[in-house]
Amino acid sequence: TLPGSRSDDVLDLQHSSNVSSETPGLWTFAIRNGAPPGSSPSNPLLP
């Protein structure tokens, strides 16, 4: 669940990112071998 979900802070998604502070509004994830980010060292969860 992305930060701010089910609260008024969900509007902040346009100003934040898990890629870079220089790319506000961009969130990216990788699905590998049917598993979401965080399941292996090669596909960690980005902060």
ModelCIF file with pLDDT and N, C-alpha, C, O atoms, coordinates in Angstrom:
data_MODEL
#
_entry.id   MODEL 
#
_entity.id                         1 
_entity.type                       polymer 
_entity.pdbx_number_of_molecules   1 
#
_entity_poly.entity_id                      1 
_entity_poly.type                           'polypeptide(L)' 
_entity_poly.nstd_linkage                   no 
_entity_poly.nstd_monomer                   no 
_entity_poly.pdbx_seq_one_letter_code       TLPGSRSDDVLDLQHSSNVSSETPGLWTFAIRNGAPPGSSPSNPLLP 
_entity_poly.pdbx_seq_one_letter_code_can   TLPGSRSDDVLDLQHSSNVSSETPGLWTFAIRNGAPPGSSPSNPLLP 
_entity_poly.pdbx_strand_id                 A 
#
loop_
_entity_poly_seq.entity_id 
_entity_poly_seq.num 
_entity_poly_seq.mon_id 
_entity_poly_seq.hetero 
1 1  THR n 
1 2  LEU n 
1 3  PRO n 
1 4  GLY n 
1 5  SER n 
1 6  ARG n 
1 7  SER n 
1 8  ASP n 
1 9  ASP n 
1 10 VAL n 
1 11 LEU n 
1 12 ASP n 
1 13 LEU n 
1 14 GLN n 
1 15 HIS n 
1 16 SER n 
1 17 SER n 
1 18 ASN n 
1 19 VAL n 
1 20 SER n 
1 21 SER n 
1 22 GLU n 
1 23 THR n 
1 24 PRO n 
1 25 GLY n 
1 26 LEU n 
1 27 TRP n 
1 28 THR n 
1 29 PHE n 
1 30 ALA n 
1 31 ILE n 
1 32 ARG n 
1 33 ASN n 
1 34 GLY n 
1 35 ALA n 
1 36 PRO n 
1 37 PRO n 
1 38 GLY n 
1 39 SER n 
1 40 SER n 
1 41 PRO n 
1 42 SER n 
1 43 ASN n 
1 44 PRO n 
1 45 LEU n 
1 46 LEU n 
1 47 PRO n 
#
_struct_asym.id          A 
_struct_asym.entity_id   1 
#
loop_
_ma_qa_metric.id 
_ma_qa_metric.mode 
_ma_qa_metric.name 
_ma_qa_metric.software_group_id 
_ma_qa_metric.type 
1 global pLDDT . pLDDT 
2 local  pLDDT . pLDDT 
#
_ma_qa_metric_global.metric_id      1 
_ma_qa_metric_global.metric_value   84.91 
_ma_qa_metric_global.model_id       1 
_ma_qa_metric_global.ordinal_id     1 
#
loop_
_ma_qa_metric_local.label_asym_id 
_ma_qa_metric_local.label_comp_id 
_ma_qa_metric_local.label_seq_id 
_ma_qa_metric_local.metric_id 
_ma_qa_metric_local.metric_value 
_ma_qa_metric_local.model_id 
_ma_qa_metric_local.ordinal_id 
A THR 1  2 88.00 1 1  
A LEU 2  2 90.00 1 2  
A PRO 3  2 87.00 1 3  
A GLY 4  2 90.00 1 4  
A SER 5  2 93.00 1 5  
A ARG 6  2 93.00 1 6  
A SER 7  2 93.00 1 7  
A ASP 8  2 95.00 1 8  
A ASP 9  2 93.00 1 9  
A VAL 10 2 95.00 1 10 
A LEU 11 2 97.00 1 11 
A ASP 12 2 94.00 1 12 
A LEU 13 2 95.00 1 13 
A GLN 14 2 95.00 1 14 
A HIS 15 2 93.00 1 15 
A SER 16 2 88.00 1 16 
A SER 17 2 87.00 1 17 
A ASN 18 2 82.00 1 18 
A VAL 19 2 78.00 1 19 
A SER 20 2 73.00 1 20 
A SER 21 2 73.00 1 21 
A GLU 22 2 78.00 1 22 
A THR 23 2 84.00 1 23 
A PRO 24 2 89.00 1 24 
A GLY 25 2 92.00 1 25 
A LEU 26 2 92.00 1 26 
A TRP 27 2 92.00 1 27 
A THR 28 2 90.00 1 28 
A PHE 29 2 89.00 1 29 
A ALA 30 2 88.00 1 30 
A ILE 31 2 88.00 1 31 
A ARG 32 2 86.00 1 32 
A ASN 33 2 83.00 1 33 
A GLY 34 2 78.00 1 34 
A ALA 35 2 79.00 1 35 
A PRO 36 2 78.00 1 36 
A PRO 37 2 81.00 1 37 
A GLY 38 2 79.00 1 38 
A SER 39 2 77.00 1 39 
A SER 40 2 77.00 1 40 
A PRO 41 2 75.00 1 41 
A SER 42 2 72.00 1 42 
A ASN 43 2 79.00 1 43 
A PRO 44 2 78.00 1 44 
A LEU 45 2 76.00 1 45 
A LEU 46 2 72.00 1 46 
A PRO 47 2 67.00 1 47 
#
loop_
_atom_site.group_PDB 
_atom_site.id 
_atom_site.type_symbol 
_atom_site.label_atom_id 
_atom_site.label_alt_id 
_atom_site.label_comp_id 
_atom_site.label_asym_id 
_atom_site.label_entity_id 
_atom_site.label_seq_id 
_atom_site.pdbx_PDB_ins_code 
_atom_site.Cartn_x 
_atom_site.Cartn_y 
_atom_site.Cartn_z 
_atom_site.occupancy 
_atom_site.B_iso_or_equiv 
_atom_site.pdbx_formal_charge 
_atom_site.auth_seq_id 
_atom_site.auth_comp_id 
_atom_site.auth_asym_id 
_atom_site.auth_atom_id 
_atom_site.pdbx_PDB_model_num 
ATOM 1   N N  . THR A 1 1  ? 0.848  -1.186  0.000   1.00 88.00 ? 1  THR A N  1 
ATOM 2   C CA . THR A 1 1  ? 0.000  0.000   0.000   1.00 88.00 ? 1  THR A CA 1 
ATOM 3   C C  . THR A 1 1  ? 0.883  1.235   0.000   1.00 88.00 ? 1  THR A C  1 
ATOM 4   O O  . THR A 1 1  ? 1.745  1.381   0.867   1.00 88.00 ? 1  THR A O  1 
ATOM 5   N N  . LEU A 1 2  ? 0.680  2.122   -0.957  1.00 90.00 ? 2  LEU A N  1 
ATOM 6   C CA . LEU A 1 2  ? 1.510  3.316   -1.051  1.00 90.00 ? 2  LEU A CA 1 
ATOM 7   C C  . LEU A 1 2  ? 1.210  4.272   0.098   1.00 90.00 ? 2  LEU A C  1 
ATOM 8   O O  . LEU A 1 2  ? 0.096  4.293   0.621   1.00 90.00 ? 2  LEU A O  1 
ATOM 9   N N  . PRO A 1 3  ? 2.215  5.069   0.492   1.00 87.00 ? 3  PRO A N  1 
ATOM 10  C CA . PRO A 1 3  ? 2.041  5.999   1.611   1.00 87.00 ? 3  PRO A CA 1 
ATOM 11  C C  . PRO A 1 3  ? 0.857  6.934   1.400   1.00 87.00 ? 3  PRO A C  1 
ATOM 12  O O  . PRO A 1 3  ? 0.632  7.430   0.296   1.00 87.00 ? 3  PRO A O  1 
ATOM 13  N N  . GLY A 1 4  ? 0.112  7.164   2.461   1.00 90.00 ? 4  GLY A N  1 
ATOM 14  C CA . GLY A 1 4  ? -1.008 8.098   2.411   1.00 90.00 ? 4  GLY A CA 1 
ATOM 15  C C  . GLY A 1 4  ? -2.316 7.483   1.981   1.00 90.00 ? 4  GLY A C  1 
ATOM 16  O O  . GLY A 1 4  ? -3.352 8.147   2.036   1.00 90.00 ? 4  GLY A O  1 
ATOM 17  N N  . SER A 1 5  ? -2.303 6.209   1.546   1.00 93.00 ? 5  SER A N  1 
ATOM 18  C CA . SER A 1 5  ? -3.533 5.577   1.071   1.00 93.00 ? 5  SER A CA 1 
ATOM 19  C C  . SER A 1 5  ? -4.628 5.586   2.134   1.00 93.00 ? 5  SER A C  1 
ATOM 20  O O  . SER A 1 5  ? -4.355 5.427   3.324   1.00 93.00 ? 5  SER A O  1 
ATOM 21  N N  . ARG A 1 6  ? -5.862 5.773   1.691   1.00 93.00 ? 6  ARG A N  1 
ATOM 22  C CA . ARG A 1 6  ? -7.052 5.828   2.562   1.00 93.00 ? 6  ARG A CA 1 
ATOM 23  C C  . ARG A 1 6  ? -6.956 6.955   3.589   1.00 93.00 ? 6  ARG A C  1 
ATOM 24  O O  . ARG A 1 6  ? -7.516 6.876   4.682   1.00 93.00 ? 6  ARG A O  1 
ATOM 25  N N  . SER A 1 7  ? -6.227 8.008   3.204   1.00 93.00 ? 7  SER A N  1 
ATOM 26  C CA . SER A 1 7  ? -6.179 9.237   3.996   1.00 93.00 ? 7  SER A CA 1 
ATOM 27  C C  . SER A 1 7  ? -6.014 10.404  3.026   1.00 93.00 ? 7  SER A C  1 
ATOM 28  O O  . SER A 1 7  ? -5.723 10.201  1.847   1.00 93.00 ? 7  SER A O  1 
ATOM 29  N N  . ASP A 1 8  ? -6.201 11.616  3.524   1.00 95.00 ? 8  ASP A N  1 
ATOM 30  C CA . ASP A 1 8  ? -6.039 12.783  2.655   1.00 95.00 ? 8  ASP A CA 1 
ATOM 31  C C  . ASP A 1 8  ? -4.623 12.912  2.128   1.00 95.00 ? 8  ASP A C  1 
ATOM 32  O O  . ASP A 1 8  ? -4.391 13.593  1.129   1.00 95.00 ? 8  ASP A O  1 
ATOM 33  N N  . ASP A 1 9  ? -3.655 12.252  2.804   1.00 93.00 ? 9  ASP A N  1 
ATOM 34  C CA . ASP A 1 9  ? -2.259 12.335  2.384   1.00 93.00 ? 9  ASP A CA 1 
ATOM 35  C C  . ASP A 1 9  ? -1.997 11.602  1.075   1.00 93.00 ? 9  ASP A C  1 
ATOM 36  O O  . ASP A 1 9  ? -0.900 11.707  0.526   1.00 93.00 ? 9  ASP A O  1 
ATOM 37  N N  . VAL A 1 10 ? -2.979 10.862  0.561   1.00 95.00 ? 10 VAL A N  1 
ATOM 38  C CA . VAL A 1 10 ? -2.775 10.188  -0.716  1.00 95.00 ? 10 VAL A CA 1 
ATOM 39  C C  . VAL A 1 10 ? -2.504 11.209  -1.819  1.00 95.00 ? 10 VAL A C  1 
ATOM 40  O O  . VAL A 1 10 ? -1.896 10.871  -2.835  1.00 95.00 ? 10 VAL A O  1 
ATOM 41  N N  . LEU A 1 11 ? -2.944 12.445  -1.631  1.00 97.00 ? 11 LEU A N  1 
ATOM 42  C CA . LEU A 1 11 ? -2.664 13.504  -2.603  1.00 97.00 ? 11 LEU A CA 1 
ATOM 43  C C  . LEU A 1 11 ? -1.168 13.766  -2.743  1.00 97.00 ? 11 LEU A C  1 
ATOM 44  O O  . LEU A 1 11 ? -0.724 14.299  -3.760  1.00 97.00 ? 11 LEU A O  1 
ATOM 45  N N  . ASP A 1 12 ? -0.382 13.389  -1.717  1.00 94.00 ? 12 ASP A N  1 
ATOM 46  C CA . ASP A 1 12 ? 1.059  13.638  -1.750  1.00 94.00 ? 12 ASP A CA 1 
ATOM 47  C C  . ASP A 1 12 ? 1.789  12.711  -2.707  1.00 94.00 ? 12 ASP A C  1 
ATOM 48  O O  . ASP A 1 12 ? 2.980  12.909  -2.951  1.00 94.00 ? 12 ASP A O  1 
ATOM 49  N N  . LEU A 1 13 ? 1.114  11.701  -3.262  1.00 95.00 ? 13 LEU A N  1 
ATOM 50  C CA . LEU A 1 13 ? 1.778  10.805  -4.209  1.00 95.00 ? 13 LEU A CA 1 
ATOM 51  C C  . LEU A 1 13 ? 2.314  11.559  -5.415  1.00 95.00 ? 13 LEU A C  1 
ATOM 52  O O  . LEU A 1 13 ? 3.286  11.129  -6.035  1.00 95.00 ? 13 LEU A O  1 
ATOM 53  N N  . GLN A 1 14 ? 1.687  12.681  -5.753  1.00 95.00 ? 14 GLN A N  1 
ATOM 54  C CA . GLN A 1 14 ? 2.164  13.461  -6.896  1.00 95.00 ? 14 GLN A CA 1 
ATOM 55  C C  . GLN A 1 14 ? 3.458  14.209  -6.590  1.00 95.00 ? 14 GLN A C  1 
ATOM 56  O O  . GLN A 1 14 ? 4.127  14.692  -7.503  1.00 95.00 ? 14 GLN A O  1 
ATOM 57  N N  . HIS A 1 15 ? 3.812  14.305  -5.311  1.00 93.00 ? 15 HIS A N  1 
ATOM 58  C CA . HIS A 1 15 ? 5.021  15.040  -4.922  1.00 93.00 ? 15 HIS A CA 1 
ATOM 59  C C  . HIS A 1 15 ? 6.138  14.132  -4.411  1.00 93.00 ? 15 HIS A C  1 
ATOM 60  O O  . HIS A 1 15 ? 7.233  14.614  -4.121  1.00 93.00 ? 15 HIS A O  1 
ATOM 61  N N  . SER A 1 16 ? 5.880  12.815  -4.295  1.00 88.00 ? 16 SER A N  1 
ATOM 62  C CA . SER A 1 16 ? 6.868  11.890  -3.742  1.00 88.00 ? 16 SER A CA 1 
ATOM 63  C C  . SER A 1 16 ? 7.164  10.791  -4.755  1.00 88.00 ? 16 SER A C  1 
ATOM 64  O O  . SER A 1 16 ? 6.524  10.712  -5.804  1.00 88.00 ? 16 SER A O  1 
ATOM 65  N N  . SER A 1 17 ? 8.142  9.938   -4.432  1.00 87.00 ? 17 SER A N  1 
ATOM 66  C CA . SER A 1 17 ? 8.564  8.910   -5.372  1.00 87.00 ? 17 SER A CA 1 
ATOM 67  C C  . SER A 1 17 ? 9.406  7.871   -4.654  1.00 87.00 ? 17 SER A C  1 
ATOM 68  O O  . SER A 1 17 ? 10.018 8.169   -3.628  1.00 87.00 ? 17 SER A O  1 
ATOM 69  N N  . ASN A 1 18 ? 9.443  6.646   -5.187  1.00 82.00 ? 18 ASN A N  1 
ATOM 70  C CA . ASN A 1 18 ? 10.399 5.670   -4.689  1.00 82.00 ? 18 ASN A CA 1 
ATOM 71  C C  . ASN A 1 18 ? 11.558 5.504   -5.669  1.00 82.00 ? 18 ASN A C  1 
ATOM 72  O O  . ASN A 1 18 ? 12.345 4.564   -5.561  1.00 82.00 ? 18 ASN A O  1 
ATOM 73  N N  . VAL A 1 19 ? 11.653 6.422   -6.618  1.00 78.00 ? 19 VAL A N  1 
ATOM 74  C CA . VAL A 1 19 ? 12.732 6.413   -7.595  1.00 78.00 ? 19 VAL A CA 1 
ATOM 75  C C  . VAL A 1 19 ? 13.741 7.506   -7.284  1.00 78.00 ? 19 VAL A C  1 
ATOM 76  O O  . VAL A 1 19 ? 14.943 7.247   -7.222  1.00 78.00 ? 19 VAL A O  1 
ATOM 77  N N  . SER A 1 20 ? 13.262 8.715   -7.092  1.00 73.00 ? 20 SER A N  1 
ATOM 78  C CA . SER A 1 20 ? 14.143 9.844   -6.836  1.00 73.00 ? 20 SER A CA 1 
ATOM 79  C C  . SER A 1 20 ? 13.325 11.047  -6.421  1.00 73.00 ? 20 SER A C  1 
ATOM 80  O O  . SER A 1 20 ? 12.179 11.204  -6.841  1.00 73.00 ? 20 SER A O  1 
ATOM 81  N N  . SER A 1 21 ? 13.914 11.894  -5.596  1.00 73.00 ? 21 SER A N  1 
ATOM 82  C CA . SER A 1 21 ? 13.262 13.150  -5.255  1.00 73.00 ? 21 SER A CA 1 
ATOM 83  C C  . SER A 1 21 ? 13.200 14.067  -6.467  1.00 73.00 ? 21 SER A C  1 
ATOM 84  O O  . SER A 1 21 ? 12.463 15.054  -6.462  1.00 73.00 ? 21 SER A O  1 
ATOM 85  N N  . GLU A 1 22 ? 13.964 13.751  -7.504  1.00 78.00 ? 22 GLU A N  1 
ATOM 86  C CA . GLU A 1 22 ? 13.974 14.551  -8.726  1.00 78.00 ? 22 GLU A CA 1 
ATOM 87  C C  . GLU A 1 22 ? 12.922 14.090  -9.734  1.00 78.00 ? 22 GLU A C  1 
ATOM 88  O O  . GLU A 1 22 ? 12.780 14.691  -10.799 1.00 78.00 ? 22 GLU A O  1 
ATOM 89  N N  . THR A 1 23 ? 12.180 13.023  -9.404  1.00 84.00 ? 23 THR A N  1 
ATOM 90  C CA . THR A 1 23 ? 11.113 12.535  -10.286 1.00 84.00 ? 23 THR A CA 1 
ATOM 91  C C  . THR A 1 23 ? 9.811  12.424  -9.509  1.00 84.00 ? 23 THR A C  1 
ATOM 92  O O  . THR A 1 23 ? 9.265  11.327  -9.388  1.00 84.00 ? 23 THR A O  1 
ATOM 93  N N  . PRO A 1 24 ? 9.300  13.527  -8.980  1.00 89.00 ? 24 PRO A N  1 
ATOM 94  C CA . PRO A 1 24 ? 8.067  13.444  -8.175  1.00 89.00 ? 24 PRO A CA 1 
ATOM 95  C C  . PRO A 1 24 ? 6.914  12.875  -8.985  1.00 89.00 ? 24 PRO A C  1 
ATOM 96  O O  . PRO A 1 24 ? 6.740  13.183  -10.164 1.00 89.00 ? 24 PRO A O  1 
ATOM 97  N N  . GLY A 1 25 ? 6.131  12.035  -8.314  1.00 92.00 ? 25 GLY A N  1 
ATOM 98  C CA . GLY A 1 25 ? 4.977  11.444  -8.962  1.00 92.00 ? 25 GLY A CA 1 
ATOM 99  C C  . GLY A 1 25 ? 5.244  10.122  -9.642  1.00 92.00 ? 25 GLY A C  1 
ATOM 100 O O  . GLY A 1 25 ? 4.314  9.516   -10.176 1.00 92.00 ? 25 GLY A O  1 
ATOM 101 N N  . LEU A 1 26 ? 6.493  9.645   -9.645  1.00 92.00 ? 26 LEU A N  1 
ATOM 102 C CA . LEU A 1 26 ? 6.824  8.381   -10.291 1.00 92.00 ? 26 LEU A CA 1 
ATOM 103 C C  . LEU A 1 26 ? 7.105  7.314   -9.238  1.00 92.00 ? 26 LEU A C  1 
ATOM 104 O O  . LEU A 1 26 ? 7.964  7.484   -8.373  1.00 92.00 ? 26 LEU A O  1 
ATOM 105 N N  . TRP A 1 27 ? 6.357  6.205   -9.330  1.00 92.00 ? 27 TRP A N  1 
ATOM 106 C CA . TRP A 1 27 ? 6.534  5.050   -8.458  1.00 92.00 ? 27 TRP A CA 1 
ATOM 107 C C  . TRP A 1 27 ? 6.703  3.826   -9.338  1.00 92.00 ? 27 TRP A C  1 
ATOM 108 O O  . TRP A 1 27 ? 5.899  3.604   -10.243 1.00 92.00 ? 27 TRP A O  1 
ATOM 109 N N  . THR A 1 28 ? 7.727  3.032   -9.093  1.00 90.00 ? 28 THR A N  1 
ATOM 110 C CA . THR A 1 28 ? 7.993  1.887   -9.954  1.00 90.00 ? 28 THR A CA 1 
ATOM 111 C C  . THR A 1 28 ? 8.224  0.628   -9.129  1.00 90.00 ? 28 THR A C  1 
ATOM 112 O O  . THR A 1 28 ? 8.801  0.684   -8.043  1.00 90.00 ? 28 THR A O  1 
ATOM 113 N N  . PHE A 1 29 ? 7.766  -0.516  -9.655  1.00 89.00 ? 29 PHE A N  1 
ATOM 114 C CA . PHE A 1 29 ? 7.866  -1.801  -8.973  1.00 89.00 ? 29 PHE A CA 1 
ATOM 115 C C  . PHE A 1 29 ? 8.186  -2.876  -10.001 1.00 89.00 ? 29 PHE A C  1 
ATOM 116 O O  . PHE A 1 29 ? 7.861  -2.736  -11.180 1.00 89.00 ? 29 PHE A O  1 
ATOM 117 N N  . ALA A 1 30 ? 8.824  -3.945  -9.549  1.00 88.00 ? 30 ALA A N  1 
ATOM 118 C CA . ALA A 1 30 ? 9.160  -5.055  -10.437 1.00 88.00 ? 30 ALA A CA 1 
ATOM 119 C C  . ALA A 1 30 ? 8.545  -6.342  -9.892  1.00 88.00 ? 30 ALA A C  1 
ATOM 120 O O  . ALA A 1 30 ? 8.700  -6.657  -8.712  1.00 88.00 ? 30 ALA A O  1 
ATOM 121 N N  . ILE A 1 31 ? 7.856  -7.076  -10.743 1.00 88.00 ? 31 ILE A N  1 
ATOM 122 C CA . ILE A 1 31 ? 7.314  -8.379  -10.388 1.00 88.00 ? 31 ILE A CA 1 
ATOM 123 C C  . ILE A 1 31 ? 8.208  -9.425  -11.040 1.00 88.00 ? 31 ILE A C  1 
ATOM 124 O O  . ILE A 1 31 ? 8.314  -9.481  -12.265 1.00 88.00 ? 31 ILE A O  1 
ATOM 125 N N  . ARG A 1 32 ? 8.853  -10.259 -10.215 1.00 86.00 ? 32 ARG A N  1 
ATOM 126 C CA . ARG A 1 32 ? 9.797  -11.241 -10.723 1.00 86.00 ? 32 ARG A CA 1 
ATOM 127 C C  . ARG A 1 32 ? 9.423  -12.633 -10.210 1.00 86.00 ? 32 ARG A C  1 
ATOM 128 O O  . ARG A 1 32 ? 9.218  -12.830 -9.012  1.00 86.00 ? 32 ARG A O  1 
ATOM 129 N N  . ASN A 1 33 ? 9.337  -13.584 -11.124 1.00 83.00 ? 33 ASN A N  1 
ATOM 130 C CA . ASN A 1 33 ? 8.971  -14.963 -10.786 1.00 83.00 ? 33 ASN A CA 1 
ATOM 131 C C  . ASN A 1 33 ? 7.660  -15.020 -10.007 1.00 83.00 ? 33 ASN A C  1 
ATOM 132 O O  . ASN A 1 33 ? 7.493  -15.847 -9.111  1.00 83.00 ? 33 ASN A O  1 
ATOM 133 N N  . GLY A 1 34 ? 6.745  -14.143 -10.356 1.00 78.00 ? 34 GLY A N  1 
ATOM 134 C CA . GLY A 1 34 ? 5.441  -14.114 -9.716  1.00 78.00 ? 34 GLY A CA 1 
ATOM 135 C C  . GLY A 1 34 ? 5.427  -13.491 -8.341  1.00 78.00 ? 34 GLY A C  1 
ATOM 136 O O  . GLY A 1 34 ? 4.384  -13.461 -7.687  1.00 78.00 ? 34 GLY A O  1 
ATOM 137 N N  . ALA A 1 35 ? 6.571  -12.988 -7.887  1.00 79.00 ? 35 ALA A N  1 
ATOM 138 C CA . ALA A 1 35 ? 6.672  -12.416 -6.541  1.00 79.00 ? 35 ALA A CA 1 
ATOM 139 C C  . ALA A 1 35 ? 6.893  -10.914 -6.615  1.00 79.00 ? 35 ALA A C  1 
ATOM 140 O O  . ALA A 1 35 ? 7.580  -10.436 -7.517  1.00 79.00 ? 35 ALA A O  1 
ATOM 141 N N  . PRO A 1 36 ? 6.315  -10.155 -5.672  1.00 78.00 ? 36 PRO A N  1 
ATOM 142 C CA . PRO A 1 36 ? 6.468  -8.701  -5.668  1.00 78.00 ? 36 PRO A CA 1 
ATOM 143 C C  . PRO A 1 36 ? 7.821  -8.285  -5.107  1.00 78.00 ? 36 PRO A C  1 
ATOM 144 O O  . PRO A 1 36 ? 8.567  -9.139  -4.628  1.00 78.00 ? 36 PRO A O  1 
ATOM 145 N N  . PRO A 1 37 ? 8.161  -6.997  -5.151  1.00 81.00 ? 37 PRO A N  1 
ATOM 146 C CA . PRO A 1 37 ? 9.425  -6.508  -4.599  1.00 81.00 ? 37 PRO A CA 1 
ATOM 147 C C  . PRO A 1 37 ? 9.593  -6.893  -3.134  1.00 81.00 ? 37 PRO A C  1 
ATOM 148 O O  . PRO A 1 37 ? 8.632  -6.909  -2.365  1.00 81.00 ? 37 PRO A O  1 
ATOM 149 N N  . GLY A 1 38 ? 10.845 -7.204  -2.761  1.00 79.00 ? 38 GLY A N  1 
ATOM 150 C CA . GLY A 1 38 ? 11.164 -7.569  -1.397  1.00 79.00 ? 38 GLY A CA 1 
ATOM 151 C C  . GLY A 1 38 ? 11.362 -9.048  -1.201  1.00 79.00 ? 38 GLY A C  1 
ATOM 152 O O  . GLY A 1 38 ? 11.779 -9.482  -0.127  1.00 79.00 ? 38 GLY A O  1 
ATOM 153 N N  . SER A 1 39 ? 11.066 -9.840  -2.232  1.00 77.00 ? 39 SER A N  1 
ATOM 154 C CA . SER A 1 39 ? 11.130 -11.292 -2.101  1.00 77.00 ? 39 SER A CA 1 
ATOM 155 C C  . SER A 1 39 ? 12.515 -11.856 -2.329  1.00 77.00 ? 39 SER A C  1 
ATOM 156 O O  . SER A 1 39 ? 12.761 -13.016 -1.998  1.00 77.00 ? 39 SER A O  1 
ATOM 157 N N  . SER A 1 40 ? 13.441 -11.063 -2.892  1.00 77.00 ? 40 SER A N  1 
ATOM 158 C CA . SER A 1 40 ? 14.786 -11.557 -3.161  1.00 77.00 ? 40 SER A CA 1 
ATOM 159 C C  . SER A 1 40 ? 15.761 -10.391 -3.207  1.00 77.00 ? 40 SER A C  1 
ATOM 160 O O  . SER A 1 40 ? 15.343 -9.250  -3.407  1.00 77.00 ? 40 SER A O  1 
ATOM 161 N N  . PRO A 1 41 ? 17.075 -10.656 -3.024  1.00 75.00 ? 41 PRO A N  1 
ATOM 162 C CA . PRO A 1 41 ? 18.066 -9.572  -3.113  1.00 75.00 ? 41 PRO A CA 1 
ATOM 163 C C  . PRO A 1 41 ? 18.101 -8.913  -4.484  1.00 75.00 ? 41 PRO A C  1 
ATOM 164 O O  . PRO A 1 41 ? 18.428 -7.731  -4.596  1.00 75.00 ? 41 PRO A O  1 
ATOM 165 N N  . SER A 1 42 ? 17.765 -9.674  -5.537  1.00 72.00 ? 42 SER A N  1 
ATOM 166 C CA . SER A 1 42 ? 17.802 -9.105  -6.880  1.00 72.00 ? 42 SER A CA 1 
ATOM 167 C C  . SER A 1 42 ? 16.584 -8.236  -7.181  1.00 72.00 ? 42 SER A C  1 
ATOM 168 O O  . SER A 1 42 ? 16.582 -7.500  -8.168  1.00 72.00 ? 42 SER A O  1 
ATOM 169 N N  . ASN A 1 43 ? 15.555 -8.310  -6.349  1.00 79.00 ? 43 ASN A N  1 
ATOM 170 C CA . ASN A 1 43 ? 14.361 -7.482  -6.526  1.00 79.00 ? 43 ASN A CA 1 
ATOM 171 C C  . ASN A 1 43 ? 13.916 -6.929  -5.182  1.00 79.00 ? 43 ASN A C  1 
ATOM 172 O O  . ASN A 1 43 ? 12.853 -7.299  -4.684  1.00 79.00 ? 43 ASN A O  1 
ATOM 173 N N  . PRO A 1 44 ? 14.718 -6.044  -4.582  1.00 78.00 ? 44 PRO A N  1 
ATOM 174 C CA . PRO A 1 44 ? 14.367 -5.490  -3.273  1.00 78.00 ? 44 PRO A CA 1 
ATOM 175 C C  . PRO A 1 44 ? 13.277 -4.438  -3.387  1.00 78.00 ? 44 PRO A C  1 
ATOM 176 O O  . PRO A 1 44 ? 13.026 -3.889  -4.459  1.00 78.00 ? 44 PRO A O  1 
ATOM 177 N N  . LEU A 1 45 ? 12.639 -4.173  -2.261  1.00 76.00 ? 45 LEU A N  1 
ATOM 178 C CA . LEU A 1 45 ? 11.649 -3.097  -2.201  1.00 76.00 ? 45 LEU A CA 1 
ATOM 179 C C  . LEU A 1 45 ? 12.366 -1.769  -2.173  1.00 76.00 ? 45 LEU A C  1 
ATOM 180 O O  . LEU A 1 45 ? 13.229 -1.542  -1.325  1.00 76.00 ? 45 LEU A O  1 
ATOM 181 N N  . LEU A 1 46 ? 12.016 -0.886  -3.096  1.00 72.00 ? 46 LEU A N  1 
ATOM 182 C CA . LEU A 1 46 ? 12.623 0.437   -3.127  1.00 72.00 ? 46 LEU A CA 1 
ATOM 183 C C  . LEU A 1 46 ? 11.929 1.344   -2.117  1.00 72.00 ? 46 LEU A C  1 
ATOM 184 O O  . LEU A 1 46 ? 10.717 1.253   -1.925  1.00 72.00 ? 46 LEU A O  1 
ATOM 185 N N  . PRO A 1 47 ? 12.693 2.211   -1.477  1.00 67.00 ? 47 PRO A N  1 
ATOM 186 C CA . PRO A 1 47 ? 12.134 3.052   -0.416  1.00 67.00 ? 47 PRO A CA 1 
ATOM 187 C C  . PRO A 1 47 ? 11.547 4.348   -0.930  1.00 67.00 ? 47 PRO A C  1 
ATOM 188 O O  . PRO A 1 47 ? 11.042 5.152   -0.146  1.00 67.00 ? 47 PRO A O  1 
#
